[in-house]
Structure formats: structure tokens, C-alpha cells
Amino acid sequence: MAHAASLKVRPLRPAAPAVPPFDALDRTHRRVLEVLGQFERLIAHVDDNGADEVARASAAEIFDFFENHAREH
């Protein structure tokens, strides 16, 4: 029984922090899928119409999303 008396009592630790909600992460991932769909449509549009104004505007939106919002994610 002398061995049991030599065990030290562990100090109490604070509770683990709450897990943040995943809503923002889910929204961003859904948006990534939407923008990837937009990119697929852009490729088809460029194949049919070349790099017209519509294609350039779509490409700018896609670039902006991945350069800013997705990068911050």
C-alpha cells in the first residue's frame, strides 16, 4: 500500500474549448463547388465563343473568388 500513497494527484485542467460551428466552412465549400461549376461553364463558353466579354467577366469573378475569399478560408 505504500506504492499507492506515492501517486500524485493530477491538477484539474480547464474544460476544452467549444468546437466552433462549421456553418462558415460549409458555406465556403459549397461556394467553391459553385465556382468550379462556373469554371466548367466558362471553358465550354470559350470553346464556343472565344474569349469574349462574357468569358472575361466570368473569368474575373472566378479569379476574384479564389484570390480573395477562398484564400482567406
PDB file of N, CA and C in Angstrom:
ATOM      1  N   MET A   1       0.803  -1.194   0.000  1.00  0.00           N
ATOM      2  CA  MET A   1       0.000   0.000   0.000  1.00  0.00           C
ATOM      3  C   MET A   1       0.848   1.261   0.000  1.00  0.00           C
ATOM      4  N   ALA A   2       2.107   1.124   0.309  1.00  0.00           N
ATOM      5  CA  ALA A   2       2.971   2.298   0.285  1.00  0.00           C
ATOM      6  C   ALA A   2       3.087   2.861  -1.123  1.00  0.00           C
ATOM      7  N   HIS A   3       2.964   2.012  -2.125  1.00  0.00           N
ATOM      8  CA  HIS A   3       3.059   2.458  -3.509  1.00  0.00           C
ATOM      9  C   HIS A   3       1.882   3.367  -3.866  1.00  0.00           C
ATOM     10  N   ALA A   4       0.691   3.046  -3.412  1.00  0.00           N
ATOM     11  CA  ALA A   4      -0.494   3.853  -3.703  1.00  0.00           C
ATOM     12  C   ALA A   4      -0.374   5.233  -3.078  1.00  0.00           C
ATOM     13  N   ALA A   5       0.260   5.359  -1.971  1.00  0.00           N
ATOM     14  CA  ALA A   5       0.398   6.657  -1.318  1.00  0.00           C
ATOM     15  C   ALA A   5       1.362   7.555  -2.072  1.00  0.00           C
ATOM     16  N   SER A   6       2.246   7.010  -2.891  1.00  0.00           N
ATOM     17  CA  SER A   6       3.218   7.834  -3.604  1.00  0.00           C
ATOM     18  C   SER A   6       2.666   8.414  -4.912  1.00  0.00           C
ATOM     19  N   LEU A   7       1.456   8.004  -5.327  1.00  0.00           N
ATOM     20  CA  LEU A   7       0.864   8.567  -6.545  1.00  0.00           C
ATOM     21  C   LEU A   7       0.458  10.012  -6.299  1.00  0.00           C
ATOM     22  N   LYS A   8       0.781  10.859  -7.252  1.00  0.00           N
ATOM     23  CA  LYS A   8       0.412  12.267  -7.120  1.00  0.00           C
ATOM     24  C   LYS A   8      -0.961  12.503  -7.736  1.00  0.00           C
ATOM     25  N   VAL A   9      -1.664  13.420  -7.175  1.00  0.00           N
ATOM     26  CA  VAL A   9      -2.970  13.799  -7.704  1.00  0.00           C
ATOM     27  C   VAL A   9      -2.725  14.773  -8.850  1.00  0.00           C
ATOM     28  N   ARG A  10      -3.325  14.476  -9.985  1.00  0.00           N
ATOM     29  CA  ARG A  10      -3.158  15.356 -11.151  1.00  0.00           C
ATOM     30  C   ARG A  10      -3.976  16.630 -10.956  1.00  0.00           C
ATOM     31  N   PRO A  11      -3.421  17.750 -11.330  1.00  0.00           N
ATOM     32  CA  PRO A  11      -4.187  19.001 -11.219  1.00  0.00           C
ATOM     33  C   PRO A  11      -5.348  19.001 -12.206  1.00  0.00           C
ATOM     34  N   LEU A  12      -6.391  19.682 -11.827  1.00  0.00           N
ATOM     35  CA  LEU A  12      -7.544  19.800 -12.715  1.00  0.00           C
ATOM     36  C   LEU A  12      -7.197  20.714 -13.877  1.00  0.00           C
ATOM     37  N   ARG A  13      -7.669  20.379 -15.022  1.00  0.00           N
ATOM     38  CA  ARG A  13      -7.454  21.200 -16.212  1.00  0.00           C
ATOM     39  C   ARG A  13      -8.747  21.900 -16.577  1.00  0.00           C
ATOM     40  N   PRO A  14      -8.625  23.051 -17.234  1.00  0.00           N
ATOM     41  CA  PRO A  14      -9.857  23.699 -17.692  1.00  0.00           C
ATOM     42  C   PRO A  14     -10.506  22.844 -18.780  1.00  0.00           C
ATOM     43  N   ALA A  15     -11.788  23.001 -18.923  1.00  0.00           N
ATOM     44  CA  ALA A  15     -12.522  22.247 -19.945  1.00  0.00           C
ATOM     45  C   ALA A  15     -12.022  22.638 -21.329  1.00  0.00           C
ATOM     46  N   ALA A  16     -12.086  21.722 -22.246  1.00  0.00           N
ATOM     47  CA  ALA A  16     -11.702  22.009 -23.627  1.00  0.00           C
ATOM     48  C   ALA A  16     -12.636  23.068 -24.196  1.00  0.00           C
ATOM     49  N   PRO A  17     -12.108  23.943 -25.038  1.00  0.00           N
ATOM     50  CA  PRO A  17     -12.979  24.975 -25.616  1.00  0.00           C
ATOM     51  C   PRO A  17     -14.016  24.345 -26.533  1.00  0.00           C
ATOM     52  N   ALA A  18     -15.121  25.029 -26.685  1.00  0.00           N
ATOM     53  CA  ALA A  18     -16.181  24.542 -27.558  1.00  0.00           C
ATOM     54  C   ALA A  18     -15.699  24.539 -29.003  1.00  0.00           C
ATOM     55  N   VAL A  19     -16.142  23.572 -29.758  1.00  0.00           N
ATOM     56  CA  VAL A  19     -15.792  23.497 -31.171  1.00  0.00           C
ATOM     57  C   VAL A  19     -16.582  24.570 -31.905  1.00  0.00           C
ATOM     58  N   PRO A  20     -15.899  25.369 -32.728  1.00  0.00           N
ATOM     59  CA  PRO A  20     -16.630  26.421 -33.452  1.00  0.00           C
ATOM     60  C   PRO A  20     -17.603  25.796 -34.441  1.00  0.00           C
ATOM     61  N   PRO A  21     -18.666  26.511 -34.757  1.00  0.00           N
ATOM     62  CA  PRO A  21     -19.628  25.967 -35.713  1.00  0.00           C
ATOM     63  C   PRO A  21     -19.003  25.830 -37.105  1.00  0.00           C
ATOM     64  N   PHE A  22     -19.451  24.851 -37.832  1.00  0.00           N
ATOM     65  CA  PHE A  22     -18.894  24.588 -39.152  1.00  0.00           C
ATOM     66  C   PHE A  22     -19.714  25.237 -40.266  1.00  0.00           C
ATOM     67  N   ASP A  23     -20.673  26.077 -39.906  1.00  0.00           N
ATOM     68  CA  ASP A  23     -21.524  26.709 -40.911  1.00  0.00           C
ATOM     69  C   ASP A  23     -20.717  27.497 -41.933  1.00  0.00           C
ATOM     70  N   ALA A  24     -19.782  28.313 -41.460  1.00  0.00           N
ATOM     71  CA  ALA A  24     -18.987  29.134 -42.384  1.00  0.00           C
ATOM     72  C   ALA A  24     -18.144  28.253 -43.293  1.00  0.00           C
ATOM     73  N   LEU A  25     -17.575  27.214 -42.736  1.00  0.00           N
ATOM     74  CA  LEU A  25     -16.769  26.287 -43.532  1.00  0.00           C
ATOM     75  C   LEU A  25     -17.628  25.603 -44.587  1.00  0.00           C
ATOM     76  N   ASP A  26     -18.809  25.159 -44.195  1.00  0.00           N
ATOM     77  CA  ASP A  26     -19.718  24.520 -45.139  1.00  0.00           C
ATOM     78  C   ASP A  26     -20.142  25.482 -46.250  1.00  0.00           C
ATOM     79  N   ARG A  27     -20.447  26.725 -45.879  1.00  0.00           N
ATOM     80  CA  ARG A  27     -20.836  27.721 -46.888  1.00  0.00           C
ATOM     81  C   ARG A  27     -19.700  27.934 -47.889  1.00  0.00           C
ATOM     82  N   THR A  28     -18.484  28.029 -47.398  1.00  0.00           N
ATOM     83  CA  THR A  28     -17.342  28.250 -48.287  1.00  0.00           C
ATOM     84  C   THR A  28     -17.143  27.054 -49.205  1.00  0.00           C
ATOM     85  N   HIS A  29     -17.257  25.867 -48.685  1.00  0.00           N
ATOM     86  CA  HIS A  29     -17.077  24.681 -49.525  1.00  0.00           C
ATOM     87  C   HIS A  29     -18.173  24.585 -50.589  1.00  0.00           C
ATOM     88  N   ARG A  30     -19.400  24.943 -50.219  1.00  0.00           N
ATOM     89  CA  ARG A  30     -20.473  24.958 -51.221  1.00  0.00           C
ATOM     90  C   ARG A  30     -20.178  25.989 -52.300  1.00  0.00           C
ATOM     91  N   ARG A  31     -19.680  27.134 -51.886  1.00  0.00           N
ATOM     92  CA  ARG A  31     -19.348  28.196 -52.853  1.00  0.00           C
ATOM     93  C   ARG A  31     -18.210  27.746 -53.772  1.00  0.00           C
ATOM     94  N   VAL A  32     -17.222  27.035 -53.242  1.00  0.00           N
ATOM     95  CA  VAL A  32     -16.137  26.512 -54.082  1.00  0.00           C
ATOM     96  C   VAL A  32     -16.726  25.618 -55.167  1.00  0.00           C
ATOM     97  N   LEU A  33     -17.641  24.742 -54.800  1.00  0.00           N
ATOM     98  CA  LEU A  33     -18.261  23.854 -55.785  1.00  0.00           C
ATOM     99  C   LEU A  33     -19.036  24.649 -56.837  1.00  0.00           C
ATOM    100  N   GLU A  34     -19.722  25.704 -56.404  1.00  0.00           N
ATOM    101  CA  GLU A  34     -20.451  26.550 -57.351  1.00  0.00           C
ATOM    102  C   GLU A  34     -19.493  27.223 -58.332  1.00  0.00           C
ATOM    103  N   VAL A  35     -18.398  27.748 -57.815  1.00  0.00           N
ATOM    104  CA  VAL A  35     -17.432  28.448 -58.672  1.00  0.00           C
ATOM    105  C   VAL A  35     -16.736  27.468 -59.612  1.00  0.00           C
ATOM    106  N   LEU A  36     -16.489  26.254 -59.154  1.00  0.00           N
ATOM    107  CA  LEU A  36     -15.921  25.245 -60.049  1.00  0.00           C
ATOM    108  C   LEU A  36     -16.894  24.917 -61.181  1.00  0.00           C
ATOM    109  N   GLY A  37     -18.192  24.890 -60.878  1.00  0.00           N
ATOM    110  CA  GLY A  37     -19.205  24.713 -61.924  1.00  0.00           C
ATOM    111  C   GLY A  37     -19.187  25.880 -62.899  1.00  0.00           C
ATOM    112  N   GLN A  38     -19.035  27.087 -62.366  1.00  0.00           N
ATOM    113  CA  GLN A  38     -18.925  28.274 -63.212  1.00  0.00           C
ATOM    114  C   GLN A  38     -17.692  28.155 -64.111  1.00  0.00           C
ATOM    115  N   PHE A  39     -16.609  27.626 -63.589  1.00  0.00           N
ATOM    116  CA  PHE A  39     -15.384  27.452 -64.370  1.00  0.00           C
ATOM    117  C   PHE A  39     -15.610  26.449 -65.514  1.00  0.00           C
ATOM    118  N   GLU A  40     -16.324  25.362 -65.233  1.00  0.00           N
ATOM    119  CA  GLU A  40     -16.635  24.386 -66.291  1.00  0.00           C
ATOM    120  C   GLU A  40     -17.471  25.043 -67.400  1.00  0.00           C
ATOM    121  N   ARG A  41     -18.455  25.858 -66.984  1.00  0.00           N
ATOM    122  CA  ARG A  41     -19.277  26.560 -67.978  1.00  0.00           C
ATOM    123  C   ARG A  41     -18.444  27.550 -68.769  1.00  0.00           C
ATOM    124  N   LEU A  42     -17.504  28.192 -68.112  1.00  0.00           N
ATOM    125  CA  LEU A  42     -16.622  29.136 -68.794  1.00  0.00           C
ATOM    126  C   LEU A  42     -15.806  28.433 -69.877  1.00  0.00           C
ATOM    127  N   ILE A  43     -15.277  27.262 -69.563  1.00  0.00           N
ATOM    128  CA  ILE A  43     -14.488  26.522 -70.549  1.00  0.00           C
ATOM    129  C   ILE A  43     -15.337  26.213 -71.785  1.00  0.00           C
ATOM    130  N   ALA A  44     -16.562  25.748 -71.561  1.00  0.00           N
ATOM    131  CA  ALA A  44     -17.456  25.448 -72.681  1.00  0.00           C
ATOM    132  C   ALA A  44     -17.761  26.721 -73.469  1.00  0.00           C
ATOM    133  N   HIS A  45     -17.974  27.822 -72.755  1.00  0.00           N
ATOM    134  CA  HIS A  45     -18.275  29.098 -73.415  1.00  0.00           C
ATOM    135  C   HIS A  45     -17.097  29.552 -74.265  1.00  0.00           C
ATOM    136  N   VAL A  46     -15.902  29.440 -73.749  1.00  0.00           N
ATOM    137  CA  VAL A  46     -14.705  29.855 -74.503  1.00  0.00           C
ATOM    138  C   VAL A  46     -14.525  28.963 -75.727  1.00  0.00           C
ATOM    139  N   ASP A  47     -14.793  27.674 -75.590  1.00  0.00           N
ATOM    140  CA  ASP A  47     -14.713  26.770 -76.743  1.00  0.00           C
ATOM    141  C   ASP A  47     -15.661  27.213 -77.853  1.00  0.00           C
ATOM    142  N   ASP A  48     -16.847  27.661 -77.458  1.00  0.00           N
ATOM    143  CA  ASP A  48     -17.866  28.038 -78.450  1.00  0.00           C
ATOM    144  C   ASP A  48     -17.740  29.474 -78.939  1.00  0.00           C
ATOM    145  N   ASN A  49     -17.300  30.395 -78.056  1.00  0.00           N
ATOM    146  CA  ASN A  49     -17.373  31.829 -78.363  1.00  0.00           C
ATOM    147  C   ASN A  49     -16.039  32.558 -78.288  1.00  0.00           C
ATOM    148  N   GLY A  50     -15.005  31.866 -77.867  1.00  0.00           N
ATOM    149  CA  GLY A  50     -13.735  32.543 -77.679  1.00  0.00           C
ATOM    150  C   GLY A  50     -13.756  33.377 -76.402  1.00  0.00           C
ATOM    151  N   ALA A  51     -12.708  34.156 -76.227  1.00  0.00           N
ATOM    152  CA  ALA A  51     -12.566  34.969 -75.008  1.00  0.00           C
ATOM    153  C   ALA A  51     -13.295  36.301 -75.178  1.00  0.00           C
ATOM    154  N   ASP A  52     -14.618  36.222 -75.298  1.00  0.00           N
ATOM    155  CA  ASP A  52     -15.417  37.430 -75.447  1.00  0.00           C
ATOM    156  C   ASP A  52     -15.596  38.129 -74.099  1.00  0.00           C
ATOM    157  N   GLU A  53     -16.368  39.175 -74.085  1.00  0.00           N
ATOM    158  CA  GLU A  53     -16.569  39.963 -72.862  1.00  0.00           C
ATOM    159  C   GLU A  53     -17.227  39.134 -71.761  1.00  0.00           C
ATOM    160  N   VAL A  54     -18.179  38.283 -72.128  1.00  0.00           N
ATOM    161  CA  VAL A  54     -18.846  37.421 -71.142  1.00  0.00           C
ATOM    162  C   VAL A  54     -17.821  36.491 -70.495  1.00  0.00           C
ATOM    163  N   ALA A  55     -16.951  35.905 -71.305  1.00  0.00           N
ATOM    164  CA  ALA A  55     -15.923  34.993 -70.784  1.00  0.00           C
ATOM    165  C   ALA A  55     -14.954  35.738 -69.875  1.00  0.00           C
ATOM    166  N   ARG A  56     -14.546  36.927 -70.287  1.00  0.00           N
ATOM    167  CA  ARG A  56     -13.605  37.697 -69.458  1.00  0.00           C
ATOM    168  C   ARG A  56     -14.227  38.092 -68.123  1.00  0.00           C
ATOM    169  N   ALA A  57     -15.510  38.449 -68.137  1.00  0.00           N
ATOM    170  CA  ALA A  57     -16.184  38.819 -66.886  1.00  0.00           C
ATOM    171  C   ALA A  57     -16.300  37.606 -65.963  1.00  0.00           C
ATOM    172  N   SER A  58     -16.649  36.460 -66.525  1.00  0.00           N
ATOM    173  CA  SER A  58     -16.753  35.249 -65.717  1.00  0.00           C
ATOM    174  C   SER A  58     -15.394  34.856 -65.151  1.00  0.00           C
ATOM    175  N   ALA A  59     -14.371  34.921 -65.985  1.00  0.00           N
ATOM    176  CA  ALA A  59     -13.014  34.590 -65.524  1.00  0.00           C
ATOM    177  C   ALA A  59     -12.580  35.526 -64.401  1.00  0.00           C
ATOM    178  N   ALA A  60     -12.931  36.799 -64.504  1.00  0.00           N
ATOM    179  CA  ALA A  60     -12.574  37.761 -63.451  1.00  0.00           C
ATOM    180  C   ALA A  60     -13.271  37.415 -62.138  1.00  0.00           C
ATOM    181  N   GLU A  61     -14.544  37.000 -62.208  1.00  0.00           N
ATOM    182  CA  GLU A  61     -15.270  36.600 -60.996  1.00  0.00           C
ATOM    183  C   GLU A  61     -14.629  35.371 -60.354  1.00  0.00           C
ATOM    184  N   ILE A  62     -14.292  34.398 -61.180  1.00  0.00           N
ATOM    185  CA  ILE A  62     -13.669  33.173 -60.676  1.00  0.00           C
ATOM    186  C   ILE A  62     -12.325  33.492 -60.037  1.00  0.00           C
ATOM    187  N   PHE A  63     -11.525  34.285 -60.728  1.00  0.00           N
ATOM    188  CA  PHE A  63     -10.217  34.667 -60.196  1.00  0.00           C
ATOM    189  C   PHE A  63     -10.364  35.398 -58.873  1.00  0.00           C
ATOM    190  N   ASP A  64     -11.303  36.339 -58.823  1.00  0.00           N
ATOM    191  CA  ASP A  64     -11.514  37.120 -57.603  1.00  0.00           C
ATOM    192  C   ASP A  64     -11.887  36.219 -56.433  1.00  0.00           C
ATOM    193  N   PHE A  65     -12.750  35.242 -56.681  1.00  0.00           N
ATOM    194  CA  PHE A  65     -13.150  34.338 -55.604  1.00  0.00           C
ATOM    195  C   PHE A  65     -11.948  33.578 -55.052  1.00  0.00           C
ATOM    196  N   PHE A  66     -11.164  32.967 -55.942  1.00  0.00           N
ATOM    197  CA  PHE A  66     -10.041  32.161 -55.460  1.00  0.00           C
ATOM    198  C   PHE A  66      -8.892  33.018 -54.940  1.00  0.00           C
ATOM    199  N   GLU A  67      -8.742  34.211 -55.451  1.00  0.00           N
ATOM    200  CA  GLU A  67      -7.662  35.093 -54.979  1.00  0.00           C
ATOM    201  C   GLU A  67      -7.991  35.711 -53.627  1.00  0.00           C
ATOM    202  N   ASN A  68      -9.256  35.894 -53.341  1.00  0.00           N
ATOM    203  CA  ASN A  68      -9.631  36.584 -52.099  1.00  0.00           C
ATOM    204  C   ASN A  68     -10.352  35.669 -51.115  1.00  0.00           C
ATOM    205  N   HIS A  69     -11.616  35.434 -51.346  1.00  0.00           N
ATOM    206  CA  HIS A  69     -12.440  34.713 -50.362  1.00  0.00           C
ATOM    207  C   HIS A  69     -11.906  33.314 -50.075  1.00  0.00           C
ATOM    208  N   ALA A  70     -11.640  32.548 -51.113  1.00  0.00           N
ATOM    209  CA  ALA A  70     -11.166  31.173 -50.896  1.00  0.00           C
ATOM    210  C   ALA A  70      -9.791  31.163 -50.246  1.00  0.00           C
ATOM    211  N   ARG A  71      -8.958  32.116 -50.596  1.00  0.00           N
ATOM    212  CA  ARG A  71      -7.612  32.187 -50.000  1.00  0.00           C
ATOM    213  C   ARG A  71      -7.710  32.482 -48.508  1.00  0.00           C
ATOM    214  N   GLU A  72      -8.620  33.345 -48.114  1.00  0.00           N
ATOM    215  CA  GLU A  72      -8.785  33.664 -46.692  1.00  0.00           C
ATOM    216  C   GLU A  72      -9.298  32.470 -45.912  1.00  0.00           C
ATOM    217  N   HIS A  73     -10.047  31.624 -46.585  1.00  0.00           N
ATOM    218  CA  HIS A  73     -10.601  30.420 -45.960  1.00  0.00           C
ATOM    219  C   HIS A  73      -9.463  29.510 -45.553  1.00  0.00           C
TER     220      HIS A  73
END
